[in-house]
Amino acid sequence: MVDDCIFCKIRDGKIPSEKIYSNDYCFVIRDIAPRTPTHVLIIPNEHVTALSKLDKQHHEMLCALFESAEKIAKQEGLKNGHRLVFNQGDDAGQQVEHLHLHLLGGRRLSGMA
């Protein structure tokens, strides 16, 4: 755990949050400032700050993130599609330095944002 990481604190139960899904590799929570009707965060249990920090040992964890995204998309009824986004760095709008995948859906999305 990184002491000042909000996602590590949520993972460890130090900050209350409703986990809508979890497995051995990750957990899923609703975004506190949703941009779409369905906006969830898929967060690895392991504290990794960025995609650039991943290597072969993270293969199963990364697969679990995408598998979890598909399970949640089905659970949320996103039959017409959804978007998956990793924000990396300040210019991309990354607010927490703990790798996480955004799942967005529930309405028609335009452009790349």
PDB file of N, CA and C in Angstrom:
ATOM      1  N   MET A   1       0.842  -1.191   0.000  1.00  0.00           N
ATOM      2  CA  MET A   1       0.000   0.000   0.000  1.00  0.00           C
ATOM      3  C   MET A   1       0.877   1.240   0.000  1.00  0.00           C
ATOM      4  N   VAL A   2       0.458   2.214  -0.736  1.00  0.00           N
ATOM      5  CA  VAL A   2       1.070   3.521  -0.700  1.00  0.00           C
ATOM      6  C   VAL A   2       0.198   4.358   0.232  1.00  0.00           C
ATOM      7  N   ASP A   3       0.803   4.922   1.269  1.00  0.00           N
ATOM      8  CA  ASP A   3       0.053   5.578   2.349  1.00  0.00           C
ATOM      9  C   ASP A   3      -0.925   6.654   1.890  1.00  0.00           C
ATOM     10  N   ASP A   4      -0.576   7.410   0.846  1.00  0.00           N
ATOM     11  CA  ASP A   4      -1.445   8.509   0.449  1.00  0.00           C
ATOM     12  C   ASP A   4      -2.306   8.195  -0.774  1.00  0.00           C
ATOM     13  N   CYS A   5      -2.370   6.942  -1.174  1.00  0.00           N
ATOM     14  CA  CYS A   5      -3.153   6.554  -2.355  1.00  0.00           C
ATOM     15  C   CYS A   5      -4.599   6.265  -1.957  1.00  0.00           C
ATOM     16  N   ILE A   6      -5.518   7.017  -2.512  1.00  0.00           N
ATOM     17  CA  ILE A   6      -6.936   6.838  -2.186  1.00  0.00           C
ATOM     18  C   ILE A   6      -7.439   5.465  -2.609  1.00  0.00           C
ATOM     19  N   PHE A   7      -6.957   4.950  -3.752  1.00  0.00           N
ATOM     20  CA  PHE A   7      -7.426   3.638  -4.204  1.00  0.00           C
ATOM     21  C   PHE A   7      -6.911   2.522  -3.303  1.00  0.00           C
ATOM     22  N   CYS A   8      -5.700   2.642  -2.803  1.00  0.00           N
ATOM     23  CA  CYS A   8      -5.179   1.649  -1.851  1.00  0.00           C
ATOM     24  C   CYS A   8      -5.991   1.685  -0.557  1.00  0.00           C
ATOM     25  N   LYS A   9      -6.367   2.887  -0.132  1.00  0.00           N
ATOM     26  CA  LYS A   9      -7.175   3.009   1.083  1.00  0.00           C
ATOM     27  C   LYS A   9      -8.566   2.411   0.887  1.00  0.00           C
ATOM     28  N   ILE A  10      -9.152   2.598  -0.292  1.00  0.00           N
ATOM     29  CA  ILE A  10     -10.453   1.987  -0.587  1.00  0.00           C
ATOM     30  C   ILE A  10     -10.301   0.473  -0.623  1.00  0.00           C
ATOM     31  N   ARG A  11      -9.276  -0.012  -1.305  1.00  0.00           N
ATOM     32  CA  ARG A  11      -9.022  -1.458  -1.371  1.00  0.00           C
ATOM     33  C   ARG A  11      -8.927  -2.075   0.016  1.00  0.00           C
ATOM     34  N   ASP A  12      -8.239  -1.376   0.925  1.00  0.00           N
ATOM     35  CA  ASP A  12      -7.996  -1.897   2.267  1.00  0.00           C
ATOM     36  C   ASP A  12      -9.121  -1.603   3.255  1.00  0.00           C
ATOM     37  N   GLY A  13     -10.196  -0.955   2.797  1.00  0.00           N
ATOM     38  CA  GLY A  13     -11.327  -0.672   3.664  1.00  0.00           C
ATOM     39  C   GLY A  13     -11.129   0.519   4.589  1.00  0.00           C
ATOM     40  N   LYS A  14     -10.081   1.298   4.372  1.00  0.00           N
ATOM     41  CA  LYS A  14      -9.829   2.475   5.208  1.00  0.00           C
ATOM     42  C   LYS A  14     -10.679   3.668   4.788  1.00  0.00           C
ATOM     43  N   ILE A  15     -11.156   3.642   3.568  1.00  0.00           N
ATOM     44  CA  ILE A  15     -12.123   4.629   3.076  1.00  0.00           C
ATOM     45  C   ILE A  15     -13.315   3.815   2.581  1.00  0.00           C
ATOM     46  N   PRO A  16     -14.505   4.070   3.121  1.00  0.00           N
ATOM     47  CA  PRO A  16     -15.664   3.280   2.697  1.00  0.00           C
ATOM     48  C   PRO A  16     -16.041   3.564   1.245  1.00  0.00           C
ATOM     49  N   SER A  17     -16.360   2.513   0.545  1.00  0.00           N
ATOM     50  CA  SER A  17     -16.815   2.618  -0.833  1.00  0.00           C
ATOM     51  C   SER A  17     -17.520   1.318  -1.190  1.00  0.00           C
ATOM     52  N   GLU A  18     -18.550   1.422  -1.980  1.00  0.00           N
ATOM     53  CA  GLU A  18     -19.267   0.221  -2.407  1.00  0.00           C
ATOM     54  C   GLU A  18     -18.528  -0.399  -3.588  1.00  0.00           C
ATOM     55  N   LYS A  19     -17.957  -1.553  -3.355  1.00  0.00           N
ATOM     56  CA  LYS A  19     -17.314  -2.299  -4.442  1.00  0.00           C
ATOM     57  C   LYS A  19     -18.416  -3.083  -5.150  1.00  0.00           C
ATOM     58  N   ILE A  20     -18.578  -2.825  -6.432  1.00  0.00           N
ATOM     59  CA  ILE A  20     -19.634  -3.514  -7.174  1.00  0.00           C
ATOM     60  C   ILE A  20     -19.144  -4.830  -7.772  1.00  0.00           C
ATOM     61  N   TYR A  21     -17.837  -5.051  -7.716  1.00  0.00           N
ATOM     62  CA  TYR A  21     -17.257  -6.300  -8.192  1.00  0.00           C
ATOM     63  C   TYR A  21     -15.826  -6.360  -7.678  1.00  0.00           C
ATOM     64  N   SER A  22     -15.345  -7.571  -7.450  1.00  0.00           N
ATOM     65  CA  SER A  22     -13.933  -7.746  -7.114  1.00  0.00           C
ATOM     66  C   SER A  22     -13.507  -9.167  -7.446  1.00  0.00           C
ATOM     67  N   ASN A  23     -12.227  -9.343  -7.668  1.00  0.00           N
ATOM     68  CA  ASN A  23     -11.639 -10.667  -7.850  1.00  0.00           C
ATOM     69  C   ASN A  23     -10.227 -10.612  -7.259  1.00  0.00           C
ATOM     70  N   ASP A  24      -9.419 -11.602  -7.529  1.00  0.00           N
ATOM     71  CA  ASP A  24      -8.079 -11.661  -6.940  1.00  0.00           C
ATOM     72  C   ASP A  24      -7.155 -10.549  -7.435  1.00  0.00           C
ATOM     73  N   TYR A  25      -7.489  -9.931  -8.558  1.00  0.00           N
ATOM     74  CA  TYR A  25      -6.600  -8.965  -9.185  1.00  0.00           C
ATOM     75  C   TYR A  25      -7.066  -7.515  -9.126  1.00  0.00           C
ATOM     76  N   CYS A  26      -8.377  -7.310  -8.971  1.00  0.00           N
ATOM     77  CA  CYS A  26      -8.892  -5.940  -9.054  1.00  0.00           C
ATOM     78  C   CYS A  26     -10.226  -5.808  -8.342  1.00  0.00           C
ATOM     79  N   PHE A  27     -10.658  -4.556  -8.237  1.00  0.00           N
ATOM     80  CA  PHE A  27     -11.989  -4.266  -7.704  1.00  0.00           C
ATOM     81  C   PHE A  27     -12.583  -3.142  -8.532  1.00  0.00           C
ATOM     82  N   VAL A  28     -13.905  -3.014  -8.449  1.00  0.00           N
ATOM     83  CA  VAL A  28     -14.626  -2.039  -9.274  1.00  0.00           C
ATOM     84  C   VAL A  28     -15.509  -1.186  -8.375  1.00  0.00           C
ATOM     85  N   ILE A  29     -15.415   0.139  -8.594  1.00  0.00           N
ATOM     86  CA  ILE A  29     -16.261   1.095  -7.872  1.00  0.00           C
ATOM     87  C   ILE A  29     -16.859   2.077  -8.873  1.00  0.00           C
ATOM     88  N   ARG A  30     -17.919   2.741  -8.459  1.00  0.00           N
ATOM     89  CA  ARG A  30     -18.506   3.789  -9.303  1.00  0.00           C
ATOM     90  C   ARG A  30     -17.680   5.061  -9.161  1.00  0.00           C
ATOM     91  N   ASP A  31     -17.505   5.769 -10.260  1.00  0.00           N
ATOM     92  CA  ASP A  31     -16.781   7.037 -10.239  1.00  0.00           C
ATOM     93  C   ASP A  31     -17.603   8.057  -9.456  1.00  0.00           C
ATOM     94  N   ILE A  32     -16.936   8.869  -8.618  1.00  0.00           N
ATOM     95  CA  ILE A  32     -17.667   9.850  -7.804  1.00  0.00           C
ATOM     96  C   ILE A  32     -18.088  11.074  -8.615  1.00  0.00           C
ATOM     97  N   ALA A  33     -17.539  11.239  -9.809  1.00  0.00           N
ATOM     98  CA  ALA A  33     -17.924  12.334 -10.702  1.00  0.00           C
ATOM     99  C   ALA A  33     -18.193  11.750 -12.089  1.00  0.00           C
ATOM    100  N   PRO A  34     -19.285  10.993 -12.227  1.00  0.00           N
ATOM    101  CA  PRO A  34     -19.531  10.274 -13.483  1.00  0.00           C
ATOM    102  C   PRO A  34     -19.723  11.199 -14.680  1.00  0.00           C
ATOM    103  N   ARG A  35     -19.156  10.781 -15.802  1.00  0.00           N
ATOM    104  CA  ARG A  35     -19.283  11.527 -17.056  1.00  0.00           C
ATOM    105  C   ARG A  35     -20.341  10.933 -17.979  1.00  0.00           C
ATOM    106  N   THR A  36     -20.792   9.739 -17.633  1.00  0.00           N
ATOM    107  CA  THR A  36     -21.839   9.052 -18.383  1.00  0.00           C
ATOM    108  C   THR A  36     -22.746   8.348 -17.366  1.00  0.00           C
ATOM    109  N   PRO A  37     -23.934   7.912 -17.792  1.00  0.00           N
ATOM    110  CA  PRO A  37     -24.812   7.222 -16.839  1.00  0.00           C
ATOM    111  C   PRO A  37     -24.142   6.037 -16.140  1.00  0.00           C
ATOM    112  N   THR A  38     -23.320   5.298 -16.866  1.00  0.00           N
ATOM    113  CA  THR A  38     -22.501   4.258 -16.251  1.00  0.00           C
ATOM    114  C   THR A  38     -21.051   4.707 -16.370  1.00  0.00           C
ATOM    115  N   HIS A  39     -20.415   4.918 -15.235  1.00  0.00           N
ATOM    116  CA  HIS A  39     -18.997   5.309 -15.202  1.00  0.00           C
ATOM    117  C   HIS A  39     -18.387   4.640 -13.983  1.00  0.00           C
ATOM    118  N   VAL A  40     -17.657   3.568 -14.237  1.00  0.00           N
ATOM    119  CA  VAL A  40     -17.026   2.834 -13.147  1.00  0.00           C
ATOM    120  C   VAL A  40     -15.522   2.802 -13.352  1.00  0.00           C
ATOM    121  N   LEU A  41     -14.820   2.558 -12.254  1.00  0.00           N
ATOM    122  CA  LEU A  41     -13.367   2.445 -12.266  1.00  0.00           C
ATOM    123  C   LEU A  41     -12.994   1.013 -11.931  1.00  0.00           C
ATOM    124  N   ILE A  42     -12.161   0.436 -12.754  1.00  0.00           N
ATOM    125  CA  ILE A  42     -11.657  -0.914 -12.546  1.00  0.00           C
ATOM    126  C   ILE A  42     -10.208  -0.747 -12.098  1.00  0.00           C
ATOM    127  N   ILE A  43      -9.942  -1.117 -10.855  1.00  0.00           N
ATOM    128  CA  ILE A  43      -8.687  -0.747 -10.190  1.00  0.00           C
ATOM    129  C   ILE A  43      -7.923  -2.001  -9.785  1.00  0.00           C
ATOM    130  N   PRO A  44      -6.665  -2.119 -10.219  1.00  0.00           N
ATOM    131  CA  PRO A  44      -5.872  -3.272  -9.777  1.00  0.00           C
ATOM    132  C   PRO A  44      -5.639  -3.240  -8.268  1.00  0.00           C
ATOM    133  N   ASN A  45      -5.628  -4.399  -7.647  1.00  0.00           N
ATOM    134  CA  ASN A  45      -5.298  -4.480  -6.223  1.00  0.00           C
ATOM    135  C   ASN A  45      -3.853  -4.046  -5.983  1.00  0.00           C
ATOM    136  N   GLU A  46      -2.976  -4.396  -6.904  1.00  0.00           N
ATOM    137  CA  GLU A  46      -1.569  -4.013  -6.783  1.00  0.00           C
ATOM    138  C   GLU A  46      -1.416  -2.535  -7.136  1.00  0.00           C
ATOM    139  N   HIS A  47      -0.659  -1.819  -6.343  1.00  0.00           N
ATOM    140  CA  HIS A  47      -0.412  -0.408  -6.629  1.00  0.00           C
ATOM    141  C   HIS A  47       0.636  -0.297  -7.740  1.00  0.00           C
ATOM    142  N   VAL A  48       0.159   0.010  -8.924  1.00  0.00           N
ATOM    143  CA  VAL A  48       1.005   0.289 -10.084  1.00  0.00           C
ATOM    144  C   VAL A  48       0.601   1.675 -10.551  1.00  0.00           C
ATOM    145  N   THR A  49       1.568   2.551 -10.772  1.00  0.00           N
ATOM    146  CA  THR A  49       1.229   3.936 -11.083  1.00  0.00           C
ATOM    147  C   THR A  49       0.848   4.173 -12.539  1.00  0.00           C
ATOM    148  N   ALA A  50       1.400   3.384 -13.472  1.00  0.00           N
ATOM    149  CA  ALA A  50       1.177   3.678 -14.889  1.00  0.00           C
ATOM    150  C   ALA A  50       1.375   2.436 -15.742  1.00  0.00           C
ATOM    151  N   LEU A  51       0.841   2.473 -16.945  1.00  0.00           N
ATOM    152  CA  LEU A  51       1.036   1.389 -17.895  1.00  0.00           C
ATOM    153  C   LEU A  51       2.510   1.140 -18.165  1.00  0.00           C
ATOM    154  N   SER A  52       3.306   2.195 -18.160  1.00  0.00           N
ATOM    155  CA  SER A  52       4.735   2.061 -18.428  1.00  0.00           C
ATOM    156  C   SER A  52       5.459   1.258 -17.349  1.00  0.00           C
ATOM    157  N   LYS A  53       4.837   1.050 -16.218  1.00  0.00           N
ATOM    158  CA  LYS A  53       5.425   0.279 -15.120  1.00  0.00           C
ATOM    159  C   LYS A  53       5.084  -1.214 -15.204  1.00  0.00           C
ATOM    160  N   LEU A  54       4.254  -1.593 -16.173  1.00  0.00           N
ATOM    161  CA  LEU A  54       3.851  -2.987 -16.310  1.00  0.00           C
ATOM    162  C   LEU A  54       4.907  -3.781 -17.073  1.00  0.00           C
ATOM    163  N   ASP A  55       5.007  -5.056 -16.728  1.00  0.00           N
ATOM    164  CA  ASP A  55       5.870  -5.965 -17.473  1.00  0.00           C
ATOM    165  C   ASP A  55       5.176  -7.322 -17.544  1.00  0.00           C
ATOM    166  N   LYS A  56       5.890  -8.345 -17.971  1.00  0.00           N
ATOM    167  CA  LYS A  56       5.284  -9.665 -18.170  1.00  0.00           C
ATOM    168  C   LYS A  56       4.633 -10.225 -16.920  1.00  0.00           C
ATOM    169  N   GLN A  57       5.123  -9.867 -15.758  1.00  0.00           N
ATOM    170  CA  GLN A  57       4.536 -10.389 -14.517  1.00  0.00           C
ATOM    171  C   GLN A  57       3.124  -9.859 -14.287  1.00  0.00           C
ATOM    172  N   HIS A  58       2.725  -8.806 -14.990  1.00  0.00           N
ATOM    173  CA  HIS A  58       1.402  -8.201 -14.822  1.00  0.00           C
ATOM    174  C   HIS A  58       0.375  -8.703 -15.838  1.00  0.00           C
ATOM    175  N   HIS A  59       0.750  -9.691 -16.627  1.00  0.00           N
ATOM    176  CA  HIS A  59      -0.131 -10.185 -17.686  1.00  0.00           C
ATOM    177  C   HIS A  59      -1.506 -10.601 -17.144  1.00  0.00           C
ATOM    178  N   GLU A  60      -1.531 -11.427 -16.106  1.00  0.00           N
ATOM    179  CA  GLU A  60      -2.809 -11.905 -15.562  1.00  0.00           C
ATOM    180  C   GLU A  60      -3.635 -10.771 -14.985  1.00  0.00           C
ATOM    181  N   MET A  61      -2.983  -9.831 -14.324  1.00  0.00           N
ATOM    182  CA  MET A  61      -3.701  -8.688 -13.754  1.00  0.00           C
ATOM    183  C   MET A  61      -4.341  -7.854 -14.863  1.00  0.00           C
ATOM    184  N   LEU A  62      -3.593  -7.601 -15.928  1.00  0.00           N
ATOM    185  CA  LEU A  62      -4.119  -6.792 -17.015  1.00  0.00           C
ATOM    186  C   LEU A  62      -5.287  -7.507 -17.698  1.00  0.00           C
ATOM    187  N   CYS A  63      -5.161  -8.797 -17.905  1.00  0.00           N
ATOM    188  CA  CYS A  63      -6.278  -9.570 -18.469  1.00  0.00           C
ATOM    189  C   CYS A  63      -7.501  -9.488 -17.560  1.00  0.00           C
ATOM    190  N   ALA A  64      -7.278  -9.566 -16.249  1.00  0.00           N
ATOM    191  CA  ALA A  64      -8.388  -9.499 -15.292  1.00  0.00           C
ATOM    192  C   ALA A  64      -9.101  -8.152 -15.358  1.00  0.00           C
ATOM    193  N   LEU A  65      -8.368  -7.072 -15.617  1.00  0.00           N
ATOM    194  CA  LEU A  65      -9.015  -5.762 -15.742  1.00  0.00           C
ATOM    195  C   LEU A  65     -10.009  -5.770 -16.898  1.00  0.00           C
ATOM    196  N   PHE A  66      -9.574  -6.280 -18.048  1.00  0.00           N
ATOM    197  CA  PHE A  66     -10.447  -6.291 -19.220  1.00  0.00           C
ATOM    198  C   PHE A  66     -11.590  -7.295 -19.075  1.00  0.00           C
ATOM    199  N   GLU A  67     -11.336  -8.441 -18.482  1.00  0.00           N
ATOM    200  CA  GLU A  67     -12.410  -9.405 -18.226  1.00  0.00           C
ATOM    201  C   GLU A  67     -13.443  -8.813 -17.270  1.00  0.00           C
ATOM    202  N   SER A  68     -12.972  -8.109 -16.256  1.00  0.00           N
ATOM    203  CA  SER A  68     -13.885  -7.460 -15.304  1.00  0.00           C
ATOM    204  C   SER A  68     -14.715  -6.390 -15.999  1.00  0.00           C
ATOM    205  N   ALA A  69     -14.093  -5.642 -16.893  1.00  0.00           N
ATOM    206  CA  ALA A  69     -14.819  -4.606 -17.633  1.00  0.00           C
ATOM    207  C   ALA A  69     -15.975  -5.219 -18.416  1.00  0.00           C
ATOM    208  N   GLU A  70     -15.733  -6.351 -19.059  1.00  0.00           N
ATOM    209  CA  GLU A  70     -16.788  -6.983 -19.841  1.00  0.00           C
ATOM    210  C   GLU A  70     -17.897  -7.525 -18.941  1.00  0.00           C
ATOM    211  N   LYS A  71     -17.546  -8.068 -17.795  1.00  0.00           N
ATOM    212  CA  LYS A  71     -18.562  -8.548 -16.849  1.00  0.00           C
ATOM    213  C   LYS A  71     -19.433  -7.396 -16.364  1.00  0.00           C
ATOM    214  N   ILE A  72     -18.796  -6.280 -16.026  1.00  0.00           N
ATOM    215  CA  ILE A  72     -19.548  -5.123 -15.529  1.00  0.00           C
ATOM    216  C   ILE A  72     -20.418  -4.531 -16.641  1.00  0.00           C
ATOM    217  N   ALA A  73     -19.895  -4.458 -17.857  1.00  0.00           N
ATOM    218  CA  ALA A  73     -20.687  -3.933 -18.978  1.00  0.00           C
ATOM    219  C   ALA A  73     -21.963  -4.754 -19.144  1.00  0.00           C
ATOM    220  N   LYS A  74     -21.853  -6.059 -19.058  1.00  0.00           N
ATOM    221  CA  LYS A  74     -23.045  -6.918 -19.157  1.00  0.00           C
ATOM    222  C   LYS A  74     -23.954  -6.703 -17.963  1.00  0.00           C
ATOM    223  N   GLN A  75     -23.375  -6.651 -16.766  1.00  0.00           N
ATOM    224  CA  GLN A  75     -24.149  -6.440 -15.532  1.00  0.00           C
ATOM    225  C   GLN A  75     -24.919  -5.130 -15.583  1.00  0.00           C
ATOM    226  N   GLU A  76     -24.318  -4.106 -16.174  1.00  0.00           N
ATOM    227  CA  GLU A  76     -24.937  -2.779 -16.257  1.00  0.00           C
ATOM    228  C   GLU A  76     -25.874  -2.641 -17.457  1.00  0.00           C
ATOM    229  N   GLY A  77     -25.974  -3.686 -18.272  1.00  0.00           N
ATOM    230  CA  GLY A  77     -26.885  -3.654 -19.422  1.00  0.00           C
ATOM    231  C   GLY A  77     -26.410  -2.784 -20.568  1.00  0.00           C
ATOM    232  N   LEU A  78     -25.120  -2.671 -20.764  1.00  0.00           N
ATOM    233  CA  LEU A  78     -24.570  -1.828 -21.835  1.00  0.00           C
ATOM    234  C   LEU A  78     -24.533  -2.609 -23.150  1.00  0.00           C
ATOM    235  N   LYS A  79     -25.714  -2.867 -23.688  1.00  0.00           N
ATOM    236  CA  LYS A  79     -25.856  -3.707 -24.888  1.00  0.00           C
ATOM    237  C   LYS A  79     -25.437  -2.994 -26.165  1.00  0.00           C
ATOM    238  N   ASN A  80     -25.495  -1.664 -26.176  1.00  0.00           N
ATOM    239  CA  ASN A  80     -25.179  -0.919 -27.398  1.00  0.00           C
ATOM    240  C   ASN A  80     -23.734  -0.439 -27.447  1.00  0.00           C
ATOM    241  N   GLY A  81     -22.926  -0.848 -26.483  1.00  0.00           N
ATOM    242  CA  GLY A  81     -21.510  -0.494 -26.505  1.00  0.00           C
ATOM    243  C   GLY A  81     -21.077   0.269 -25.267  1.00  0.00           C
ATOM    244  N   HIS A  82     -19.779   0.381 -25.134  1.00  0.00           N
ATOM    245  CA  HIS A  82     -19.168   1.102 -24.017  1.00  0.00           C
ATOM    246  C   HIS A  82     -17.740   1.478 -24.411  1.00  0.00           C
ATOM    247  N   ARG A  83     -17.140   2.319 -23.612  1.00  0.00           N
ATOM    248  CA  ARG A  83     -15.772   2.779 -23.861  1.00  0.00           C
ATOM    249  C   ARG A  83     -14.904   2.429 -22.668  1.00  0.00           C
ATOM    250  N   LEU A  84     -13.672   2.018 -22.950  1.00  0.00           N
ATOM    251  CA  LEU A  84     -12.671   1.750 -21.922  1.00  0.00           C
ATOM    252  C   LEU A  84     -11.530   2.739 -22.115  1.00  0.00           C
ATOM    253  N   VAL A  85     -11.102   3.377 -21.005  1.00  0.00           N
ATOM    254  CA  VAL A  85     -10.090   4.430 -21.089  1.00  0.00           C
ATOM    255  C   VAL A  85      -9.089   4.305 -19.945  1.00  0.00           C
ATOM    256  N   PHE A  86      -7.803   4.354 -20.295  1.00  0.00           N
ATOM    257  CA  PHE A  86      -6.732   4.545 -19.319  1.00  0.00           C
ATOM    258  C   PHE A  86      -6.242   5.974 -19.495  1.00  0.00           C
ATOM    259  N   ASN A  87      -6.318   6.812 -18.477  1.00  0.00           N
ATOM    260  CA  ASN A  87      -5.712   8.135 -18.509  1.00  0.00           C
ATOM    261  C   ASN A  87      -4.299   8.000 -17.938  1.00  0.00           C
ATOM    262  N   GLN A  88      -3.316   8.495 -18.663  1.00  0.00           N
ATOM    263  CA  GLN A  88      -1.922   8.365 -18.256  1.00  0.00           C
ATOM    264  C   GLN A  88      -1.260   9.734 -18.201  1.00  0.00           C
ATOM    265  N   GLY A  89      -0.992  10.224 -17.010  1.00  0.00           N
ATOM    266  CA  GLY A  89      -0.296  11.490 -16.838  1.00  0.00           C
ATOM    267  C   GLY A  89      -1.223  12.687 -16.764  1.00  0.00           C
ATOM    268  N   ASP A  90      -0.624  13.813 -16.406  1.00  0.00           N
ATOM    269  CA  ASP A  90      -1.372  15.056 -16.222  1.00  0.00           C
ATOM    270  C   ASP A  90      -2.109  15.510 -17.476  1.00  0.00           C
ATOM    271  N   ASP A  91      -1.445  15.454 -18.633  1.00  0.00           N
ATOM    272  CA  ASP A  91      -2.069  15.929 -19.862  1.00  0.00           C
ATOM    273  C   ASP A  91      -3.300  15.111 -20.249  1.00  0.00           C
ATOM    274  N   ALA A  92      -3.366  13.878 -19.788  1.00  0.00           N
ATOM    275  CA  ALA A  92      -4.514  13.017 -20.085  1.00  0.00           C
ATOM    276  C   ALA A  92      -5.600  13.125 -19.019  1.00  0.00           C
ATOM    277  N   GLY A  93      -5.325  13.835 -17.941  1.00  0.00           N
ATOM    278  CA  GLY A  93      -6.321  14.005 -16.888  1.00  0.00           C
ATOM    279  C   GLY A  93      -6.260  12.966 -15.787  1.00  0.00           C
ATOM    280  N   GLN A  94      -5.150  12.228 -15.683  1.00  0.00           N
ATOM    281  CA  GLN A  94      -5.031  11.248 -14.609  1.00  0.00           C
ATOM    282  C   GLN A  94      -4.981  11.978 -13.275  1.00  0.00           C
ATOM    283  N   GLN A  95      -5.915  11.671 -12.383  1.00  0.00           N
ATOM    284  CA  GLN A  95      -5.998  12.361 -11.100  1.00  0.00           C
ATOM    285  C   GLN A  95      -5.443  11.551  -9.947  1.00  0.00           C
ATOM    286  N   VAL A  96      -5.415  10.222 -10.079  1.00  0.00           N
ATOM    287  CA  VAL A  96      -4.882   9.358  -9.027  1.00  0.00           C
ATOM    288  C   VAL A  96      -3.758   8.529  -9.643  1.00  0.00           C
ATOM    289  N   GLU A  97      -2.598   8.573  -9.023  1.00  0.00           N
ATOM    290  CA  GLU A  97      -1.449   7.823  -9.549  1.00  0.00           C
ATOM    291  C   GLU A  97      -1.492   6.372  -9.094  1.00  0.00           C
ATOM    292  N   HIS A  98      -2.545   5.703  -9.516  1.00  0.00           N
ATOM    293  CA  HIS A  98      -2.736   4.270  -9.323  1.00  0.00           C
ATOM    294  C   HIS A  98      -3.477   3.852 -10.581  1.00  0.00           C
ATOM    295  N   LEU A  99      -2.854   3.018 -11.380  1.00  0.00           N
ATOM    296  CA  LEU A  99      -3.445   2.587 -12.639  1.00  0.00           C
ATOM    297  C   LEU A  99      -4.910   2.216 -12.441  1.00  0.00           C
ATOM    298  N   HIS A 100      -5.772   2.676 -13.331  1.00  0.00           N
ATOM    299  CA  HIS A 100      -7.178   2.299 -13.285  1.00  0.00           C
ATOM    300  C   HIS A 100      -7.796   2.487 -14.655  1.00  0.00           C
ATOM    301  N   LEU A 101      -8.783   1.663 -14.924  1.00  0.00           N
ATOM    302  CA  LEU A 101      -9.469   1.642 -16.207  1.00  0.00           C
ATOM    303  C   LEU A 101     -10.873   2.198 -16.011  1.00  0.00           C
ATOM    304  N   HIS A 102     -11.232   3.193 -16.815  1.00  0.00           N
ATOM    305  CA  HIS A 102     -12.584   3.755 -16.790  1.00  0.00           C
ATOM    306  C   HIS A 102     -13.455   2.958 -17.761  1.00  0.00           C
ATOM    307  N   LEU A 103     -14.644   2.585 -17.327  1.00  0.00           N
ATOM    308  CA  LEU A 103     -15.653   2.011 -18.200  1.00  0.00           C
ATOM    309  C   LEU A 103     -16.782   3.029 -18.265  1.00  0.00           C
ATOM    310  N   LEU A 104     -17.077   3.495 -19.477  1.00  0.00           N
ATOM    311  CA  LEU A 104     -18.087   4.528 -19.696  1.00  0.00           C
ATOM    312  C   LEU A 104     -19.157   4.002 -20.638  1.00  0.00           C
ATOM    313  N   GLY A 105     -20.399   4.297 -20.324  1.00  0.00           N
ATOM    314  CA  GLY A 105     -21.483   3.871 -21.204  1.00  0.00           C
ATOM    315  C   GLY A 105     -22.826   4.360 -20.695  1.00  0.00           C
ATOM    316  N   GLY A 106     -23.865   3.870 -21.356  1.00  0.00           N
ATOM    317  CA  GLY A 106     -25.226   4.238 -20.966  1.00  0.00           C
ATOM    318  C   GLY A 106     -25.808   5.346 -21.813  1.00  0.00           C
ATOM    319  N   ARG A 107     -25.035   5.860 -22.743  1.00  0.00           N
ATOM    320  CA  ARG A 107     -25.520   6.842 -23.715  1.00  0.00           C
ATOM    321  C   ARG A 107     -24.569   6.808 -24.901  1.00  0.00           C
ATOM    322  N   ARG A 108     -24.986   7.418 -25.993  1.00  0.00           N
ATOM    323  CA  ARG A 108     -24.127   7.487 -27.164  1.00  0.00           C
ATOM    324  C   ARG A 108     -22.953   8.417 -26.876  1.00  0.00           C
ATOM    325  N   LEU A 109     -21.754   7.928 -27.135  1.00  0.00           N
ATOM    326  CA  LEU A 109     -20.536   8.704 -26.880  1.00  0.00           C
ATOM    327  C   LEU A 109     -20.025   9.259 -28.208  1.00  0.00           C
ATOM    328  N   SER A 110     -19.554  10.488 -28.169  1.00  0.00           N
ATOM    329  CA  SER A 110     -19.039  11.096 -29.393  1.00  0.00           C
ATOM    330  C   SER A 110     -17.552  11.371 -29.231  1.00  0.00           C
ATOM    331  N   GLY A 111     -16.856  11.506 -30.324  1.00  0.00           N
ATOM    332  CA  GLY A 111     -15.448  11.861 -30.306  1.00  0.00           C
ATOM    333  C   GLY A 111     -14.610  10.897 -29.500  1.00  0.00           C
ATOM    334  N   MET A 112     -13.481  11.369 -29.059  1.00  0.00           N
ATOM    335  CA  MET A 112     -12.556  10.536 -28.311  1.00  0.00           C
ATOM    336  C   MET A 112     -12.603  10.813 -26.811  1.00  0.00           C
ATOM    337  N   ALA A 113     -13.363  11.785 -26.360  1.00  0.00           N
ATOM    338  CA  ALA A 113     -13.380  12.124 -24.930  1.00  0.00           C
ATOM    339  C   ALA A 113     -14.674  11.726 -24.282  1.00  0.00           C
TER     340      ALA A 113
END
